[in-house]
N, C-alpha and C. Protein backbone atom coordinates (compact mmCIF):
# COMPACT_ATOMS: atom_id res chain seq x y z
N MET A 1 147.20 13.68 12.34
CA MET A 1 148.07 13.56 13.50
C MET A 1 147.90 12.15 14.06
N SER A 2 149.01 11.46 14.33
CA SER A 2 148.92 10.11 14.87
C SER A 2 148.43 10.14 16.31
N MET A 3 147.90 9.00 16.77
CA MET A 3 147.41 8.90 18.15
C MET A 3 148.55 9.21 19.12
N ARG A 4 149.74 8.69 18.85
CA ARG A 4 150.88 8.93 19.74
C ARG A 4 151.18 10.43 19.83
N LYS A 5 151.18 11.13 18.69
CA LYS A 5 151.43 12.57 18.69
C LYS A 5 150.32 13.31 19.42
N THR A 6 149.08 12.88 19.21
CA THR A 6 147.95 13.51 19.88
C THR A 6 148.05 13.36 21.39
N LEU A 7 148.34 12.14 21.84
CA LEU A 7 148.47 11.91 23.28
C LEU A 7 149.65 12.67 23.85
N THR A 8 150.76 12.73 23.10
CA THR A 8 151.93 13.47 23.56
C THR A 8 151.60 14.95 23.69
N ALA A 9 150.91 15.50 22.69
CA ALA A 9 150.52 16.91 22.74
C ALA A 9 149.61 17.19 23.92
N LEU A 10 148.66 16.28 24.16
CA LEU A 10 147.76 16.44 25.30
C LEU A 10 148.53 16.36 26.61
N ALA A 11 149.47 15.43 26.70
CA ALA A 11 150.27 15.29 27.92
C ALA A 11 151.09 16.54 28.17
N ILE A 12 151.66 17.11 27.11
CA ILE A 12 152.46 18.33 27.27
C ILE A 12 151.57 19.47 27.75
N SER A 13 150.39 19.61 27.12
CA SER A 13 149.46 20.66 27.54
C SER A 13 149.06 20.47 28.99
N SER A 14 148.80 19.22 29.37
CA SER A 14 148.42 18.94 30.75
C SER A 14 149.56 19.25 31.70
N PHE A 15 150.80 18.96 31.28
CA PHE A 15 151.96 19.25 32.12
C PHE A 15 152.07 20.74 32.38
N VAL A 16 151.87 21.54 31.32
CA VAL A 16 151.91 22.99 31.48
C VAL A 16 150.84 23.42 32.47
N LEU A 17 149.63 22.86 32.32
CA LEU A 17 148.53 23.19 33.22
C LEU A 17 148.84 22.77 34.65
N ILE A 18 149.38 21.56 34.80
CA ILE A 18 149.67 21.03 36.13
C ILE A 18 150.69 21.89 36.85
N GLY A 19 151.72 22.33 36.14
CA GLY A 19 152.79 23.07 36.77
C GLY A 19 152.48 24.53 37.02
N ALA A 20 151.40 25.03 36.46
CA ALA A 20 151.09 26.45 36.57
C ALA A 20 150.86 26.85 38.02
N GLY A 21 151.66 27.78 38.50
CA GLY A 21 151.45 28.33 39.82
C GLY A 21 151.81 27.42 40.97
N GLN A 22 152.41 26.30 40.70
CA GLN A 22 152.69 25.33 41.76
C GLN A 22 154.09 25.58 42.31
N ALA A 23 154.19 25.80 43.61
CA ALA A 23 155.48 26.09 44.24
C ALA A 23 156.36 24.85 44.27
N THR A 24 155.87 23.78 44.85
CA THR A 24 156.60 22.52 44.89
C THR A 24 155.61 21.39 44.73
N ALA A 25 156.10 20.22 44.40
CA ALA A 25 155.22 19.06 44.22
C ALA A 25 154.39 18.84 45.47
N GLY A 26 153.09 18.65 45.30
CA GLY A 26 152.21 18.38 46.42
C GLY A 26 151.77 19.62 47.17
N GLN A 27 152.39 20.76 46.89
CA GLN A 27 152.02 22.00 47.57
C GLN A 27 151.39 22.92 46.54
N SER A 28 150.11 23.19 46.70
CA SER A 28 149.42 24.00 45.70
C SER A 28 149.48 25.47 46.07
N ALA A 29 149.45 26.30 45.04
CA ALA A 29 149.39 27.74 45.21
C ALA A 29 147.99 28.19 44.81
N GLN A 30 147.67 29.42 45.13
CA GLN A 30 146.35 29.93 44.76
C GLN A 30 146.19 29.91 43.25
N ILE A 31 145.00 29.56 42.79
CA ILE A 31 144.69 29.54 41.36
C ILE A 31 144.69 30.97 40.83
N THR A 32 145.26 31.14 39.64
CA THR A 32 145.30 32.45 39.01
C THR A 32 144.40 32.46 37.77
N GLU A 33 144.13 33.65 37.26
CA GLU A 33 143.37 33.77 36.03
C GLU A 33 144.11 33.08 34.88
N ALA A 34 145.43 33.19 34.86
CA ALA A 34 146.23 32.52 33.82
C ALA A 34 146.06 31.01 33.89
N ASP A 35 145.94 30.46 35.09
CA ASP A 35 145.71 29.01 35.24
C ASP A 35 144.38 28.61 34.59
N VAL A 36 143.35 29.42 34.81
CA VAL A 36 142.03 29.13 34.24
C VAL A 36 142.08 29.22 32.72
N VAL A 37 142.72 30.26 32.21
CA VAL A 37 142.83 30.43 30.75
C VAL A 37 143.60 29.25 30.15
N GLN A 38 144.65 28.79 30.82
CA GLN A 38 145.40 27.63 30.33
C GLN A 38 144.53 26.38 30.37
N ALA A 39 143.73 26.21 31.40
CA ALA A 39 142.82 25.06 31.49
C ALA A 39 141.81 25.09 30.34
N GLN A 40 141.31 26.27 30.02
CA GLN A 40 140.37 26.41 28.91
C GLN A 40 141.03 26.05 27.58
N GLN A 41 142.24 26.55 27.39
CA GLN A 41 142.97 26.25 26.15
C GLN A 41 143.22 24.75 26.03
N THR A 42 143.62 24.13 27.12
CA THR A 42 143.87 22.69 27.12
C THR A 42 142.60 21.92 26.78
N TRP A 43 141.47 22.32 27.37
CA TRP A 43 140.20 21.66 27.08
C TRP A 43 139.84 21.80 25.60
N GLY A 44 139.95 23.01 25.07
CA GLY A 44 139.63 23.24 23.67
C GLY A 44 140.51 22.42 22.74
N GLU A 45 141.81 22.38 23.02
CA GLU A 45 142.73 21.59 22.21
C GLU A 45 142.39 20.11 22.29
N ALA A 46 141.94 19.66 23.45
CA ALA A 46 141.57 18.25 23.62
C ALA A 46 140.34 17.91 22.78
N ILE A 47 139.35 18.80 22.75
CA ILE A 47 138.15 18.55 21.94
C ILE A 47 138.53 18.46 20.46
N VAL A 48 139.39 19.36 20.00
CA VAL A 48 139.86 19.32 18.61
C VAL A 48 140.62 18.02 18.34
N ALA A 49 141.49 17.62 19.27
CA ALA A 49 142.30 16.41 19.10
C ALA A 49 141.43 15.15 19.00
N ILE A 50 140.35 15.10 19.77
CA ILE A 50 139.45 13.95 19.70
C ILE A 50 138.83 13.86 18.30
N GLY A 51 138.39 14.99 17.77
CA GLY A 51 137.83 15.01 16.42
C GLY A 51 138.85 14.62 15.36
N GLU A 52 140.09 15.09 15.53
CA GLU A 52 141.15 14.72 14.59
C GLU A 52 141.43 13.22 14.64
N ALA A 53 141.44 12.66 15.84
CA ALA A 53 141.66 11.21 15.98
C ALA A 53 140.52 10.44 15.30
N TYR A 54 139.31 10.94 15.45
CA TYR A 54 138.15 10.29 14.83
C TYR A 54 138.27 10.30 13.30
N THR A 55 138.56 11.47 12.73
CA THR A 55 138.62 11.56 11.27
C THR A 55 139.83 10.82 10.70
N SER A 56 140.86 10.61 11.50
CA SER A 56 142.05 9.85 11.08
C SER A 56 141.91 8.36 11.36
N GLN A 57 140.74 7.96 11.83
CA GLN A 57 140.44 6.56 12.17
C GLN A 57 141.41 6.01 13.21
N GLU A 58 141.76 6.86 14.17
CA GLU A 58 142.58 6.44 15.30
C GLU A 58 141.67 6.14 16.48
N ASP A 59 142.23 5.76 17.60
CA ASP A 59 141.43 5.37 18.76
C ASP A 59 140.95 6.61 19.52
N TYR A 60 139.95 7.27 18.95
CA TYR A 60 139.41 8.49 19.52
C TYR A 60 138.70 8.24 20.85
N GLU A 61 138.14 7.05 21.03
CA GLU A 61 137.46 6.75 22.30
C GLU A 61 138.46 6.68 23.44
N ALA A 62 139.62 6.07 23.21
CA ALA A 62 140.66 6.02 24.24
C ALA A 62 141.17 7.42 24.56
N LEU A 63 141.33 8.24 23.53
CA LEU A 63 141.77 9.61 23.75
C LEU A 63 140.72 10.37 24.56
N ALA A 64 139.45 10.21 24.22
CA ALA A 64 138.38 10.89 24.96
C ALA A 64 138.37 10.46 26.42
N GLU A 65 138.58 9.18 26.67
CA GLU A 65 138.63 8.70 28.05
C GLU A 65 139.80 9.33 28.80
N GLU A 66 140.95 9.44 28.14
CA GLU A 66 142.12 10.08 28.76
C GLU A 66 141.84 11.55 29.05
N VAL A 67 141.17 12.22 28.13
CA VAL A 67 140.81 13.63 28.32
C VAL A 67 139.90 13.79 29.54
N VAL A 68 138.85 12.97 29.61
CA VAL A 68 137.92 13.07 30.74
C VAL A 68 138.64 12.73 32.04
N ASP A 69 139.47 11.70 32.04
CA ASP A 69 140.22 11.33 33.25
C ASP A 69 141.17 12.44 33.70
N THR A 70 141.77 13.14 32.74
CA THR A 70 142.77 14.16 33.05
C THR A 70 142.15 15.50 33.42
N LEU A 71 141.10 15.90 32.71
CA LEU A 71 140.59 17.26 32.85
C LEU A 71 139.38 17.40 33.77
N TYR A 72 138.65 16.31 33.98
CA TYR A 72 137.48 16.34 34.86
C TYR A 72 137.81 15.65 36.18
N GLY A 73 137.04 15.93 37.21
CA GLY A 73 137.32 15.39 38.54
C GLY A 73 136.44 14.24 38.96
N TYR A 74 136.01 13.39 38.04
CA TYR A 74 135.12 12.29 38.40
C TYR A 74 135.76 11.34 39.41
N ASP A 75 137.07 11.21 39.39
CA ASP A 75 137.74 10.34 40.35
C ASP A 75 137.95 11.02 41.70
N GLN A 76 137.58 12.29 41.81
CA GLN A 76 137.77 13.07 43.03
C GLN A 76 136.46 13.37 43.76
N GLY A 77 135.33 13.08 43.11
CA GLY A 77 134.04 13.40 43.73
C GLY A 77 133.01 13.76 42.68
N THR A 78 132.01 14.50 43.09
CA THR A 78 130.90 14.85 42.23
C THR A 78 131.33 15.88 41.18
N VAL A 79 130.91 15.64 39.94
CA VAL A 79 131.07 16.61 38.85
C VAL A 79 129.68 16.90 38.32
N LEU A 80 129.36 18.17 38.16
CA LEU A 80 128.08 18.59 37.59
C LEU A 80 128.32 18.92 36.13
N PHE A 81 127.70 18.15 35.24
CA PHE A 81 127.93 18.30 33.80
C PHE A 81 126.59 18.42 33.09
N LYS A 82 126.37 19.54 32.42
CA LYS A 82 125.15 19.76 31.63
C LYS A 82 125.62 20.10 30.22
N PRO A 83 125.56 19.10 29.31
CA PRO A 83 126.05 19.34 27.95
C PRO A 83 125.12 20.22 27.12
N THR A 84 125.69 20.78 26.06
CA THR A 84 124.96 21.69 25.18
C THR A 84 123.78 21.02 24.51
N LYS A 85 124.03 19.90 23.87
CA LYS A 85 123.02 19.24 23.05
C LYS A 85 122.44 18.03 23.77
N ALA A 86 121.71 18.29 24.83
CA ALA A 86 121.07 17.21 25.59
C ALA A 86 119.71 17.71 26.07
N SER A 87 118.68 16.90 25.84
CA SER A 87 117.35 17.28 26.32
C SER A 87 116.69 16.14 27.07
N GLU A 88 116.96 14.90 26.70
CA GLU A 88 116.36 13.76 27.39
C GLU A 88 117.09 13.47 28.70
N LEU A 89 118.39 13.34 28.63
CA LEU A 89 119.22 13.17 29.82
C LEU A 89 120.06 14.44 29.92
N GLN A 90 119.47 15.46 30.52
CA GLN A 90 120.08 16.79 30.54
C GLN A 90 121.36 16.87 31.35
N PHE A 91 121.45 16.09 32.40
CA PHE A 91 122.59 16.17 33.31
C PHE A 91 123.32 14.85 33.31
N ARG A 92 124.65 14.90 33.31
CA ARG A 92 125.48 13.70 33.22
C ARG A 92 126.29 13.56 34.50
N SER A 93 125.98 12.51 35.25
CA SER A 93 126.58 12.32 36.57
C SER A 93 127.81 11.43 36.57
N THR A 94 128.00 10.66 35.50
CA THR A 94 129.11 9.71 35.50
C THR A 94 130.04 9.96 34.32
N LYS A 95 131.23 9.45 34.46
CA LYS A 95 132.21 9.52 33.38
C LYS A 95 131.66 8.86 32.11
N GLU A 96 130.98 7.74 32.25
CA GLU A 96 130.44 7.02 31.10
C GLU A 96 129.40 7.87 30.36
N GLU A 97 128.60 8.63 31.09
CA GLU A 97 127.61 9.49 30.46
C GLU A 97 128.27 10.65 29.71
N VAL A 98 129.37 11.15 30.25
CA VAL A 98 130.12 12.22 29.57
C VAL A 98 130.77 11.67 28.31
N LEU A 99 131.34 10.48 28.41
CA LEU A 99 131.94 9.85 27.22
C LEU A 99 130.89 9.60 26.15
N SER A 100 129.68 9.23 26.55
CA SER A 100 128.59 9.06 25.59
C SER A 100 128.35 10.36 24.84
N TYR A 101 128.31 11.46 25.57
CA TYR A 101 128.07 12.76 24.94
C TYR A 101 129.19 13.13 23.97
N PHE A 102 130.43 12.97 24.41
CA PHE A 102 131.56 13.38 23.58
C PHE A 102 131.81 12.45 22.40
N VAL A 103 131.70 11.11 22.61
CA VAL A 103 132.14 10.22 21.53
C VAL A 103 131.32 8.96 21.29
N THR A 104 130.78 8.31 22.30
CA THR A 104 130.29 6.95 22.08
C THR A 104 128.84 6.84 21.65
N GLY A 105 128.01 7.79 22.03
CA GLY A 105 126.60 7.68 21.68
C GLY A 105 125.87 6.57 22.40
N ALA A 106 126.37 6.15 23.56
CA ALA A 106 125.71 5.10 24.33
C ALA A 106 124.31 5.54 24.78
N ILE A 107 124.11 6.83 24.95
CA ILE A 107 122.80 7.39 25.25
C ILE A 107 122.20 7.82 23.91
N SER A 108 120.97 7.42 23.64
CA SER A 108 120.39 7.53 22.29
C SER A 108 120.42 8.94 21.69
N GLU A 109 120.31 9.98 22.49
CA GLU A 109 120.29 11.33 21.93
C GLU A 109 121.68 11.87 21.59
N ASP A 110 122.72 11.19 21.99
CA ASP A 110 124.09 11.68 21.80
C ASP A 110 124.61 11.34 20.41
N GLY A 111 125.20 12.34 19.77
CA GLY A 111 125.76 12.15 18.44
C GLY A 111 127.26 12.26 18.39
N GLY A 112 127.90 12.42 19.53
CA GLY A 112 129.35 12.55 19.54
C GLY A 112 129.80 13.98 19.31
N PHE A 113 129.58 14.85 20.29
CA PHE A 113 129.89 16.27 20.14
C PHE A 113 131.35 16.49 19.74
N ALA A 114 132.28 15.78 20.34
CA ALA A 114 133.70 16.01 20.08
C ALA A 114 134.15 15.45 18.73
N ILE A 115 133.36 14.55 18.15
CA ILE A 115 133.75 13.97 16.86
C ILE A 115 133.01 14.64 15.71
N GLN A 116 132.47 15.82 15.93
CA GLN A 116 131.73 16.59 14.91
C GLN A 116 132.48 16.63 13.59
N PRO A 117 133.67 16.95 13.39
CA PRO A 117 134.71 17.47 14.28
C PRO A 117 134.80 19.01 14.22
N TRP A 118 135.63 19.54 15.13
CA TRP A 118 135.87 20.98 15.21
C TRP A 118 137.34 21.25 14.88
N SER A 119 137.62 22.40 14.28
CA SER A 119 139.01 22.75 13.98
C SER A 119 139.61 23.68 15.03
N ASN A 120 138.76 24.31 15.83
CA ASN A 120 139.25 25.23 16.85
C ASN A 120 138.16 25.45 17.89
N VAL A 121 138.59 25.73 19.10
CA VAL A 121 137.69 26.14 20.18
C VAL A 121 138.34 27.36 20.82
N ARG A 122 137.59 28.44 20.93
CA ARG A 122 138.14 29.62 21.60
C ARG A 122 137.14 30.11 22.65
N PHE A 123 137.69 30.58 23.75
CA PHE A 123 136.89 31.06 24.88
C PHE A 123 136.91 32.58 24.92
N GLU A 124 135.78 33.18 25.23
CA GLU A 124 135.69 34.59 25.59
C GLU A 124 135.05 34.64 26.96
N ASN A 125 135.86 34.94 27.96
CA ASN A 125 135.38 34.96 29.33
C ASN A 125 134.61 36.24 29.62
N HIS A 126 133.42 36.09 30.17
CA HIS A 126 132.67 37.24 30.68
C HIS A 126 133.25 37.62 32.04
N GLY A 127 133.62 36.60 32.81
CA GLY A 127 134.21 36.83 34.11
C GLY A 127 134.79 35.56 34.69
N ILE A 128 135.73 35.74 35.59
CA ILE A 128 136.35 34.62 36.31
C ILE A 128 136.36 34.99 37.79
N ILE A 129 135.88 34.08 38.62
CA ILE A 129 135.92 34.25 40.07
C ILE A 129 136.96 33.28 40.61
N LEU A 130 137.91 33.80 41.38
CA LEU A 130 138.99 32.98 41.92
C LEU A 130 138.87 32.85 43.42
N ASP A 131 139.03 31.64 43.91
CA ASP A 131 139.19 31.36 45.33
C ASP A 131 140.54 30.67 45.48
N GLU A 132 140.91 30.36 46.70
CA GLU A 132 142.22 29.76 46.92
C GLU A 132 142.40 28.46 46.15
N ASP A 133 141.42 27.57 46.20
CA ASP A 133 141.57 26.26 45.55
C ASP A 133 140.46 25.95 44.56
N SER A 134 139.74 26.99 44.11
CA SER A 134 138.70 26.78 43.11
C SER A 134 138.52 28.06 42.29
N ALA A 135 137.87 27.89 41.15
CA ALA A 135 137.61 29.03 40.27
C ALA A 135 136.36 28.73 39.45
N ILE A 136 135.67 29.80 39.06
CA ILE A 136 134.50 29.69 38.19
C ILE A 136 134.71 30.65 37.03
N ALA A 137 134.46 30.19 35.82
CA ALA A 137 134.55 31.03 34.63
C ALA A 137 133.23 30.94 33.87
N MET A 138 132.79 32.09 33.35
CA MET A 138 131.54 32.14 32.59
C MET A 138 131.75 33.01 31.36
N GLY A 139 131.14 32.61 30.26
CA GLY A 139 131.23 33.40 29.05
C GLY A 139 130.70 32.64 27.86
N ASN A 140 131.28 32.93 26.72
CA ASN A 140 130.93 32.22 25.48
C ASN A 140 132.16 31.50 24.98
N TYR A 141 131.94 30.32 24.42
CA TYR A 141 133.01 29.71 23.66
C TYR A 141 132.50 29.41 22.28
N TYR A 142 133.44 29.38 21.35
CA TYR A 142 133.12 29.28 19.93
C TYR A 142 133.81 28.06 19.35
N PHE A 143 133.02 27.22 18.70
CA PHE A 143 133.51 26.00 18.08
C PHE A 143 133.50 26.22 16.57
N THR A 144 134.66 26.05 15.94
CA THR A 144 134.77 26.24 14.49
C THR A 144 134.57 24.90 13.80
N GLU A 145 133.56 24.85 12.92
CA GLU A 145 133.26 23.63 12.17
C GLU A 145 134.35 23.39 11.13
N VAL A 146 134.82 22.15 11.04
CA VAL A 146 135.88 21.80 10.10
C VAL A 146 135.46 22.07 8.66
N ASP A 147 134.30 21.60 8.26
CA ASP A 147 133.90 21.67 6.85
C ASP A 147 133.56 23.09 6.39
N SER A 148 132.77 23.81 7.18
CA SER A 148 132.30 25.12 6.74
C SER A 148 133.17 26.28 7.22
N GLY A 149 133.93 26.06 8.29
CA GLY A 149 134.71 27.14 8.88
C GLY A 149 133.87 28.09 9.72
N GLU A 150 132.58 27.81 9.83
CA GLU A 150 131.69 28.66 10.62
C GLU A 150 131.86 28.39 12.11
N GLU A 151 131.69 29.46 12.90
CA GLU A 151 131.77 29.32 14.35
C GLU A 151 130.38 29.13 14.93
N VAL A 152 130.29 28.23 15.90
CA VAL A 152 129.06 28.01 16.65
C VAL A 152 129.29 28.60 18.04
N LYS A 153 128.45 29.57 18.39
CA LYS A 153 128.56 30.23 19.69
C LYS A 153 127.79 29.43 20.73
N VAL A 154 128.44 29.16 21.87
CA VAL A 154 127.84 28.41 22.96
C VAL A 154 128.15 29.15 24.26
N GLU A 155 127.17 29.21 25.15
CA GLU A 155 127.36 29.82 26.47
C GLU A 155 127.87 28.76 27.43
N TYR A 156 128.75 29.16 28.34
CA TYR A 156 129.30 28.17 29.27
C TYR A 156 129.49 28.75 30.66
N THR A 157 129.51 27.86 31.62
CA THR A 157 130.03 28.10 32.96
C THR A 157 130.85 26.87 33.32
N PHE A 158 132.11 27.08 33.65
CA PHE A 158 132.98 25.99 34.10
C PHE A 158 133.42 26.31 35.52
N GLY A 159 133.39 25.31 36.38
CA GLY A 159 133.94 25.42 37.72
C GLY A 159 135.13 24.50 37.84
N TYR A 160 136.20 25.00 38.40
CA TYR A 160 137.44 24.24 38.55
C TYR A 160 137.79 24.09 40.02
N PHE A 161 138.46 23.02 40.35
CA PHE A 161 139.06 22.88 41.67
C PHE A 161 140.49 22.45 41.48
N GLN A 162 141.27 22.69 42.50
CA GLN A 162 142.67 22.29 42.48
C GLN A 162 142.80 21.01 43.28
N ASP A 163 143.25 19.96 42.63
CA ASP A 163 143.37 18.69 43.35
C ASP A 163 144.63 18.68 44.21
N GLU A 164 144.87 17.58 44.90
CA GLU A 164 145.98 17.51 45.85
C GLU A 164 147.35 17.66 45.19
N ASP A 165 147.43 17.44 43.89
CA ASP A 165 148.69 17.61 43.16
C ASP A 165 148.83 19.01 42.57
N GLY A 166 147.84 19.86 42.79
CA GLY A 166 147.87 21.21 42.25
C GLY A 166 147.30 21.33 40.85
N ASP A 167 146.73 20.23 40.33
CA ASP A 167 146.15 20.24 38.99
C ASP A 167 144.76 20.88 39.02
N LEU A 168 144.43 21.66 38.00
CA LEU A 168 143.06 22.16 37.86
C LEU A 168 142.22 21.07 37.22
N ARG A 169 141.08 20.80 37.81
CA ARG A 169 140.15 19.79 37.30
C ARG A 169 138.77 20.42 37.24
N ILE A 170 137.98 20.00 36.28
CA ILE A 170 136.63 20.53 36.09
C ILE A 170 135.67 19.80 37.03
N ARG A 171 134.92 20.59 37.81
CA ARG A 171 133.89 20.03 38.69
C ARG A 171 132.50 20.49 38.27
N LEU A 172 132.43 21.54 37.47
CA LEU A 172 131.16 22.05 36.95
C LEU A 172 131.36 22.40 35.48
N HIS A 173 130.49 21.87 34.64
CA HIS A 173 130.53 22.16 33.20
C HIS A 173 129.08 22.32 32.74
N HIS A 174 128.70 23.55 32.46
CA HIS A 174 127.35 23.83 31.95
C HIS A 174 127.49 24.54 30.62
N SER A 175 126.84 24.00 29.60
CA SER A 175 126.87 24.56 28.25
C SER A 175 125.46 24.68 27.72
N SER A 176 125.20 25.75 27.00
CA SER A 176 123.89 25.89 26.36
C SER A 176 124.01 26.79 25.13
N LEU A 177 123.13 26.55 24.18
CA LEU A 177 123.05 27.43 23.02
C LEU A 177 122.34 28.70 23.43
N PRO A 178 122.73 29.85 22.87
CA PRO A 178 122.07 31.11 23.23
C PRO A 178 120.57 31.07 22.93
N TYR A 179 119.82 31.75 23.74
CA TYR A 179 118.37 31.85 23.56
C TYR A 179 118.06 32.47 22.20
N SER A 180 117.11 31.89 21.52
CA SER A 180 116.70 32.39 20.21
C SER A 180 115.18 32.56 20.23
N PRO A 181 114.69 33.79 20.44
CA PRO A 181 113.25 34.00 20.55
C PRO A 181 112.52 33.67 19.25
N GLN A 182 111.37 33.08 19.38
CA GLN A 182 110.52 32.76 18.23
C GLN A 182 109.52 33.90 18.06
N HIS A 183 109.54 34.55 16.94
CA HIS A 183 108.63 35.68 16.69
C HIS A 183 107.54 35.26 15.77
């Protein structure tokens, strides 16, 4: 997929997300479960698109930056981000630290989670809590490896807020691998 097609697809997905439940421009409506599910689908598609851009030798870093700018709320305030595969710098407070995790490897322990690459991301929600302008979702999401087709199960909690334009943005992202007892 070309970078232009990837960005167009992401923009269309974002447009669907932005318009969900919005009465008029600038006037937000209460967040619905469907809005959260659409936000999850958009996020998963974006992670896959970054990996596709990487394997096609396109500008995957620019795409990742667009994804973070569009889907996360770093330009709106504090975002709490705890990536799955992080132990030295467990929490990521800045956009640059998130980009390191997803694609750049600027932090030594980061290998580029989004450029693994993955062929699919699917969410299974354990529960969703809705407030007027925020939502929290918790459950498992599954990342399908391109080469093997195997799914990797990851536990997540995502918190969303509705910005002044009615867009859902991520303010909390916690991911971890399931506990595996050592016997």
